[in-house]
Amino acid sequence: MIVHDMVIVGGGLTGLMAAVQAPPGADVAIISKVYPTRSHSGAAQGGFNAAIGEDDSVEDHLFDTVKGGDYLGDQDAIEVLCSEGPDVIRQLEQMGVPWSRTPDG
């Protein structure tokens, strides 16, 4: 029987980030239907959004996200997403994630 300390289902950005964040020395297995670059993260048509431009703000991103979800979203979770998003985007970029950017950011 094959045994691992951690088994991650999904090879998209979330699954790969979970693997990177695993405790040092952990034996990690990632199970995915497709190669990581073909994951849903790579196919995200709307892209990933974060307040990283000069004219962006976390507050505006938070409001736009809540309003765009017809005020039905978990606002605490949306606040975490919008607050931590810029740092996560930068971290993933440093790891080599090839973002498509608009001219202003």
N, C-alpha and C. Protein backbone atom coordinates (compact mmCIF):
# COMPACT_ATOMS: atom_id res chain seq x y z
N MET A 1 0.84 -1.17 0.00
CA MET A 1 0.00 0.00 0.00
C MET A 1 0.89 1.24 0.00
N ILE A 2 0.51 2.23 -0.80
CA ILE A 2 1.24 3.49 -0.86
C ILE A 2 0.70 4.40 0.23
N VAL A 3 1.60 4.98 1.01
CA VAL A 3 1.21 5.84 2.12
C VAL A 3 1.93 7.19 1.99
N HIS A 4 1.19 8.27 2.21
CA HIS A 4 1.75 9.62 2.20
C HIS A 4 1.29 10.35 3.45
N ASP A 5 2.06 11.35 3.85
CA ASP A 5 1.64 12.19 4.98
C ASP A 5 0.46 13.07 4.59
N MET A 6 0.44 13.49 3.33
CA MET A 6 -0.60 14.39 2.86
C MET A 6 -0.95 14.04 1.42
N VAL A 7 -2.23 13.93 1.13
CA VAL A 7 -2.70 13.70 -0.23
C VAL A 7 -3.57 14.89 -0.61
N ILE A 8 -3.20 15.54 -1.71
CA ILE A 8 -3.92 16.72 -2.18
C ILE A 8 -4.64 16.35 -3.47
N VAL A 9 -5.93 16.63 -3.51
CA VAL A 9 -6.72 16.34 -4.70
C VAL A 9 -6.88 17.64 -5.47
N GLY A 10 -6.28 17.67 -6.66
CA GLY A 10 -6.34 18.85 -7.51
C GLY A 10 -4.98 19.48 -7.68
N GLY A 11 -4.60 19.70 -8.92
CA GLY A 11 -3.29 20.27 -9.22
C GLY A 11 -3.35 21.70 -9.70
N GLY A 12 -4.43 22.41 -9.36
CA GLY A 12 -4.50 23.83 -9.69
C GLY A 12 -3.69 24.64 -8.70
N LEU A 13 -3.85 25.95 -8.75
CA LEU A 13 -3.06 26.81 -7.87
C LEU A 13 -3.29 26.51 -6.39
N THR A 14 -4.52 26.21 -6.01
CA THR A 14 -4.79 25.93 -4.60
C THR A 14 -4.12 24.64 -4.16
N GLY A 15 -4.22 23.60 -4.97
CA GLY A 15 -3.57 22.34 -4.64
C GLY A 15 -2.06 22.46 -4.58
N LEU A 16 -1.49 23.16 -5.56
CA LEU A 16 -0.04 23.33 -5.57
C LEU A 16 0.42 24.20 -4.40
N MET A 17 -0.36 25.22 -4.06
CA MET A 17 -0.01 26.05 -2.90
C MET A 17 -0.07 25.23 -1.62
N ALA A 18 -1.06 24.35 -1.50
CA ALA A 18 -1.14 23.48 -0.33
C ALA A 18 0.10 22.60 -0.23
N ALA A 19 0.57 22.11 -1.36
CA ALA A 19 1.78 21.27 -1.36
C ALA A 19 3.00 22.07 -0.93
N VAL A 20 3.12 23.28 -1.43
CA VAL A 20 4.26 24.14 -1.07
C VAL A 20 4.23 24.48 0.42
N GLN A 21 3.03 24.62 0.98
CA GLN A 21 2.88 25.00 2.38
C GLN A 21 2.93 23.80 3.34
N ALA A 22 3.09 22.62 2.81
CA ALA A 22 3.14 21.42 3.66
C ALA A 22 4.32 21.53 4.62
N PRO A 23 4.22 20.88 5.76
CA PRO A 23 5.34 20.91 6.71
C PRO A 23 6.62 20.38 6.07
N PRO A 24 7.76 20.96 6.43
CA PRO A 24 9.03 20.47 5.88
C PRO A 24 9.20 18.97 6.11
N GLY A 25 9.62 18.28 5.09
CA GLY A 25 9.86 16.84 5.18
C GLY A 25 8.62 15.98 4.98
N ALA A 26 7.46 16.61 4.82
CA ALA A 26 6.23 15.84 4.62
C ALA A 26 6.27 15.15 3.27
N ASP A 27 5.78 13.93 3.23
CA ASP A 27 5.66 13.17 1.98
C ASP A 27 4.30 13.53 1.38
N VAL A 28 4.32 14.33 0.31
CA VAL A 28 3.09 14.87 -0.27
C VAL A 28 2.83 14.25 -1.64
N ALA A 29 1.58 13.86 -1.87
CA ALA A 29 1.15 13.38 -3.19
C ALA A 29 0.05 14.31 -3.69
N ILE A 30 0.14 14.67 -4.98
CA ILE A 30 -0.90 15.46 -5.61
C ILE A 30 -1.59 14.58 -6.64
N ILE A 31 -2.90 14.47 -6.53
CA ILE A 31 -3.68 13.68 -7.48
C ILE A 31 -4.49 14.66 -8.33
N SER A 32 -4.35 14.55 -9.64
CA SER A 32 -5.05 15.47 -10.53
C SER A 32 -5.49 14.74 -11.79
N LYS A 33 -6.66 15.09 -12.29
CA LYS A 33 -7.13 14.50 -13.55
C LYS A 33 -6.30 14.99 -14.72
N VAL A 34 -5.80 16.20 -14.61
CA VAL A 34 -5.09 16.81 -15.72
C VAL A 34 -3.75 17.35 -15.24
N TYR A 35 -2.85 17.62 -16.20
CA TYR A 35 -1.56 18.22 -15.89
C TYR A 35 -1.82 19.60 -15.27
N PRO A 36 -1.03 20.03 -14.27
CA PRO A 36 -1.32 21.30 -13.58
C PRO A 36 -1.56 22.50 -14.50
N THR A 37 -0.84 22.62 -15.58
CA THR A 37 -1.06 23.78 -16.45
C THR A 37 -2.39 23.70 -17.20
N ARG A 38 -3.06 22.56 -17.14
CA ARG A 38 -4.39 22.42 -17.76
C ARG A 38 -5.50 22.48 -16.72
N SER A 39 -5.16 22.84 -15.50
CA SER A 39 -6.14 22.87 -14.42
C SER A 39 -7.14 24.00 -14.62
N HIS A 40 -8.12 24.04 -13.75
CA HIS A 40 -9.11 25.12 -13.82
C HIS A 40 -8.48 26.47 -13.53
N SER A 41 -7.41 26.49 -12.76
CA SER A 41 -6.73 27.77 -12.51
C SER A 41 -6.24 28.36 -13.83
N GLY A 42 -5.67 27.52 -14.66
CA GLY A 42 -5.17 27.99 -15.95
C GLY A 42 -6.28 28.34 -16.91
N ALA A 43 -7.46 27.82 -16.67
CA ALA A 43 -8.58 28.06 -17.57
C ALA A 43 -9.52 29.16 -17.07
N ALA A 44 -9.13 29.83 -16.00
CA ALA A 44 -10.01 30.86 -15.41
C ALA A 44 -10.22 32.00 -16.40
N GLN A 45 -11.38 32.02 -17.02
CA GLN A 45 -11.66 32.99 -18.07
C GLN A 45 -11.75 34.41 -17.52
N GLY A 46 -12.23 34.56 -16.32
CA GLY A 46 -12.35 35.90 -15.76
C GLY A 46 -11.05 36.38 -15.13
N GLY A 47 -10.09 35.49 -15.05
CA GLY A 47 -8.82 35.86 -14.45
C GLY A 47 -8.89 35.89 -12.93
N PHE A 48 -7.83 36.38 -12.35
CA PHE A 48 -7.73 36.54 -10.91
C PHE A 48 -7.65 38.03 -10.65
N ASN A 49 -8.35 38.49 -9.67
CA ASN A 49 -8.40 39.92 -9.40
C ASN A 49 -7.84 40.22 -8.02
N ALA A 50 -7.08 41.30 -7.95
CA ALA A 50 -6.56 41.80 -6.68
C ALA A 50 -6.27 43.28 -6.85
N ALA A 51 -6.34 44.00 -5.76
CA ALA A 51 -6.10 45.44 -5.78
C ALA A 51 -4.60 45.70 -5.77
N ILE A 52 -3.97 45.62 -6.95
CA ILE A 52 -2.52 45.82 -7.03
C ILE A 52 -2.12 47.02 -7.88
N GLY A 53 -3.06 47.65 -8.55
CA GLY A 53 -2.74 48.81 -9.36
C GLY A 53 -2.70 50.08 -8.51
N GLU A 54 -2.10 51.13 -9.05
CA GLU A 54 -1.98 52.38 -8.30
C GLU A 54 -3.33 52.96 -7.91
N ASP A 55 -4.32 52.81 -8.77
CA ASP A 55 -5.65 53.37 -8.48
C ASP A 55 -6.58 52.37 -7.81
N ASP A 56 -6.08 51.19 -7.45
CA ASP A 56 -6.89 50.16 -6.82
C ASP A 56 -6.88 50.32 -5.31
N SER A 57 -7.91 49.81 -4.67
CA SER A 57 -7.93 49.73 -3.21
C SER A 57 -8.65 48.46 -2.80
N VAL A 58 -8.25 47.94 -1.66
CA VAL A 58 -8.90 46.74 -1.12
C VAL A 58 -10.37 47.03 -0.87
N GLU A 59 -10.67 48.23 -0.38
CA GLU A 59 -12.06 48.59 -0.07
C GLU A 59 -12.93 48.58 -1.33
N ASP A 60 -12.41 49.17 -2.42
CA ASP A 60 -13.17 49.17 -3.67
C ASP A 60 -13.35 47.75 -4.22
N HIS A 61 -12.30 46.94 -4.12
CA HIS A 61 -12.39 45.55 -4.59
C HIS A 61 -13.43 44.80 -3.76
N LEU A 62 -13.40 45.02 -2.45
CA LEU A 62 -14.37 44.37 -1.56
C LEU A 62 -15.80 44.76 -1.95
N PHE A 63 -16.05 46.05 -2.13
CA PHE A 63 -17.39 46.50 -2.49
C PHE A 63 -17.82 45.94 -3.84
N ASP A 64 -16.93 46.00 -4.83
CA ASP A 64 -17.26 45.48 -6.17
C ASP A 64 -17.59 43.99 -6.12
N THR A 65 -16.85 43.24 -5.30
CA THR A 65 -17.07 41.79 -5.21
C THR A 65 -18.39 41.48 -4.52
N VAL A 66 -18.66 42.17 -3.43
CA VAL A 66 -19.93 41.96 -2.72
C VAL A 66 -21.11 42.34 -3.62
N LYS A 67 -21.01 43.50 -4.25
CA LYS A 67 -22.09 43.97 -5.14
C LYS A 67 -22.26 43.03 -6.33
N GLY A 68 -21.14 42.58 -6.92
CA GLY A 68 -21.20 41.68 -8.07
C GLY A 68 -21.85 40.35 -7.74
N GLY A 69 -21.82 39.97 -6.46
CA GLY A 69 -22.47 38.74 -6.02
C GLY A 69 -23.87 38.98 -5.48
N ASP A 70 -24.46 40.13 -5.84
CA ASP A 70 -25.81 40.48 -5.39
C ASP A 70 -25.94 40.43 -3.87
N TYR A 71 -24.86 40.76 -3.17
CA TYR A 71 -24.83 40.81 -1.71
C TYR A 71 -25.12 39.46 -1.06
N LEU A 72 -24.97 38.38 -1.81
CA LEU A 72 -25.25 37.04 -1.29
C LEU A 72 -24.01 36.33 -0.78
N GLY A 73 -22.83 36.84 -1.11
CA GLY A 73 -21.59 36.18 -0.74
C GLY A 73 -21.28 36.32 0.75
N ASP A 74 -20.45 35.43 1.24
CA ASP A 74 -19.97 35.48 2.62
C ASP A 74 -19.01 36.66 2.73
N GLN A 75 -19.47 37.75 3.32
CA GLN A 75 -18.69 38.98 3.32
C GLN A 75 -17.41 38.87 4.13
N ASP A 76 -17.37 38.03 5.15
CA ASP A 76 -16.12 37.82 5.88
C ASP A 76 -15.09 37.14 4.98
N ALA A 77 -15.54 36.13 4.23
CA ALA A 77 -14.63 35.43 3.31
C ALA A 77 -14.18 36.37 2.19
N ILE A 78 -15.08 37.20 1.70
CA ILE A 78 -14.73 38.15 0.64
C ILE A 78 -13.70 39.15 1.16
N GLU A 79 -13.84 39.57 2.40
CA GLU A 79 -12.87 40.50 2.98
C GLU A 79 -11.48 39.87 3.06
N VAL A 80 -11.41 38.61 3.44
CA VAL A 80 -10.11 37.91 3.47
C VAL A 80 -9.54 37.82 2.06
N LEU A 81 -10.37 37.43 1.10
CA LEU A 81 -9.94 37.33 -0.29
C LEU A 81 -9.36 38.65 -0.77
N CYS A 82 -10.06 39.73 -0.54
CA CYS A 82 -9.63 41.04 -1.04
C CYS A 82 -8.43 41.58 -0.27
N SER A 83 -8.36 41.32 1.03
CA SER A 83 -7.24 41.81 1.84
C SER A 83 -5.95 41.06 1.57
N GLU A 84 -6.05 39.75 1.41
CA GLU A 84 -4.85 38.94 1.23
C GLU A 84 -4.48 38.72 -0.23
N GLY A 85 -5.41 39.02 -1.13
CA GLY A 85 -5.20 38.80 -2.56
C GLY A 85 -3.93 39.41 -3.13
N PRO A 86 -3.65 40.70 -2.86
CA PRO A 86 -2.44 41.30 -3.45
C PRO A 86 -1.16 40.56 -3.07
N ASP A 87 -1.03 40.17 -1.80
CA ASP A 87 0.18 39.45 -1.38
C ASP A 87 0.26 38.07 -2.02
N VAL A 88 -0.88 37.40 -2.15
CA VAL A 88 -0.89 36.07 -2.77
C VAL A 88 -0.51 36.17 -4.25
N ILE A 89 -1.04 37.17 -4.95
CA ILE A 89 -0.68 37.36 -6.37
C ILE A 89 0.82 37.57 -6.50
N ARG A 90 1.39 38.43 -5.65
CA ARG A 90 2.85 38.68 -5.70
C ARG A 90 3.65 37.42 -5.38
N GLN A 91 3.21 36.67 -4.38
CA GLN A 91 3.90 35.43 -4.02
C GLN A 91 3.86 34.43 -5.17
N LEU A 92 2.71 34.25 -5.77
CA LEU A 92 2.60 33.32 -6.90
C LEU A 92 3.44 33.80 -8.08
N GLU A 93 3.48 35.10 -8.29
CA GLU A 93 4.31 35.65 -9.37
C GLU A 93 5.79 35.34 -9.12
N GLN A 94 6.23 35.47 -7.87
CA GLN A 94 7.62 35.14 -7.53
C GLN A 94 7.91 33.66 -7.72
N MET A 95 6.88 32.82 -7.62
CA MET A 95 7.04 31.38 -7.83
C MET A 95 7.02 31.01 -9.30
N GLY A 96 6.72 31.98 -10.16
CA GLY A 96 6.76 31.72 -11.59
C GLY A 96 5.42 31.61 -12.29
N VAL A 97 4.32 31.92 -11.60
CA VAL A 97 3.01 31.88 -12.26
C VAL A 97 2.99 32.98 -13.32
N PRO A 98 2.71 32.62 -14.56
CA PRO A 98 2.75 33.61 -15.65
C PRO A 98 1.42 34.36 -15.80
N TRP A 99 1.27 35.47 -15.12
CA TRP A 99 0.05 36.25 -15.19
C TRP A 99 -0.01 37.04 -16.49
N SER A 100 -1.21 37.19 -17.00
CA SER A 100 -1.45 38.13 -18.10
C SER A 100 -1.85 39.43 -17.43
N ARG A 101 -1.23 40.50 -17.83
CA ARG A 101 -1.51 41.78 -17.19
C ARG A 101 -2.05 42.79 -18.19
N THR A 102 -2.85 43.70 -17.68
CA THR A 102 -3.28 44.83 -18.50
C THR A 102 -2.17 45.87 -18.44
N PRO A 103 -2.17 46.84 -19.34
CA PRO A 103 -1.10 47.85 -19.34
C PRO A 103 -0.96 48.61 -18.01
N ASP A 104 -2.05 48.75 -17.25
CA ASP A 104 -1.97 49.49 -16.00
C ASP A 104 -1.79 48.61 -14.77
N GLY A 105 -1.44 47.38 -14.96
CA GLY A 105 -1.17 46.55 -13.79
C GLY A 105 -1.49 45.12 -13.97
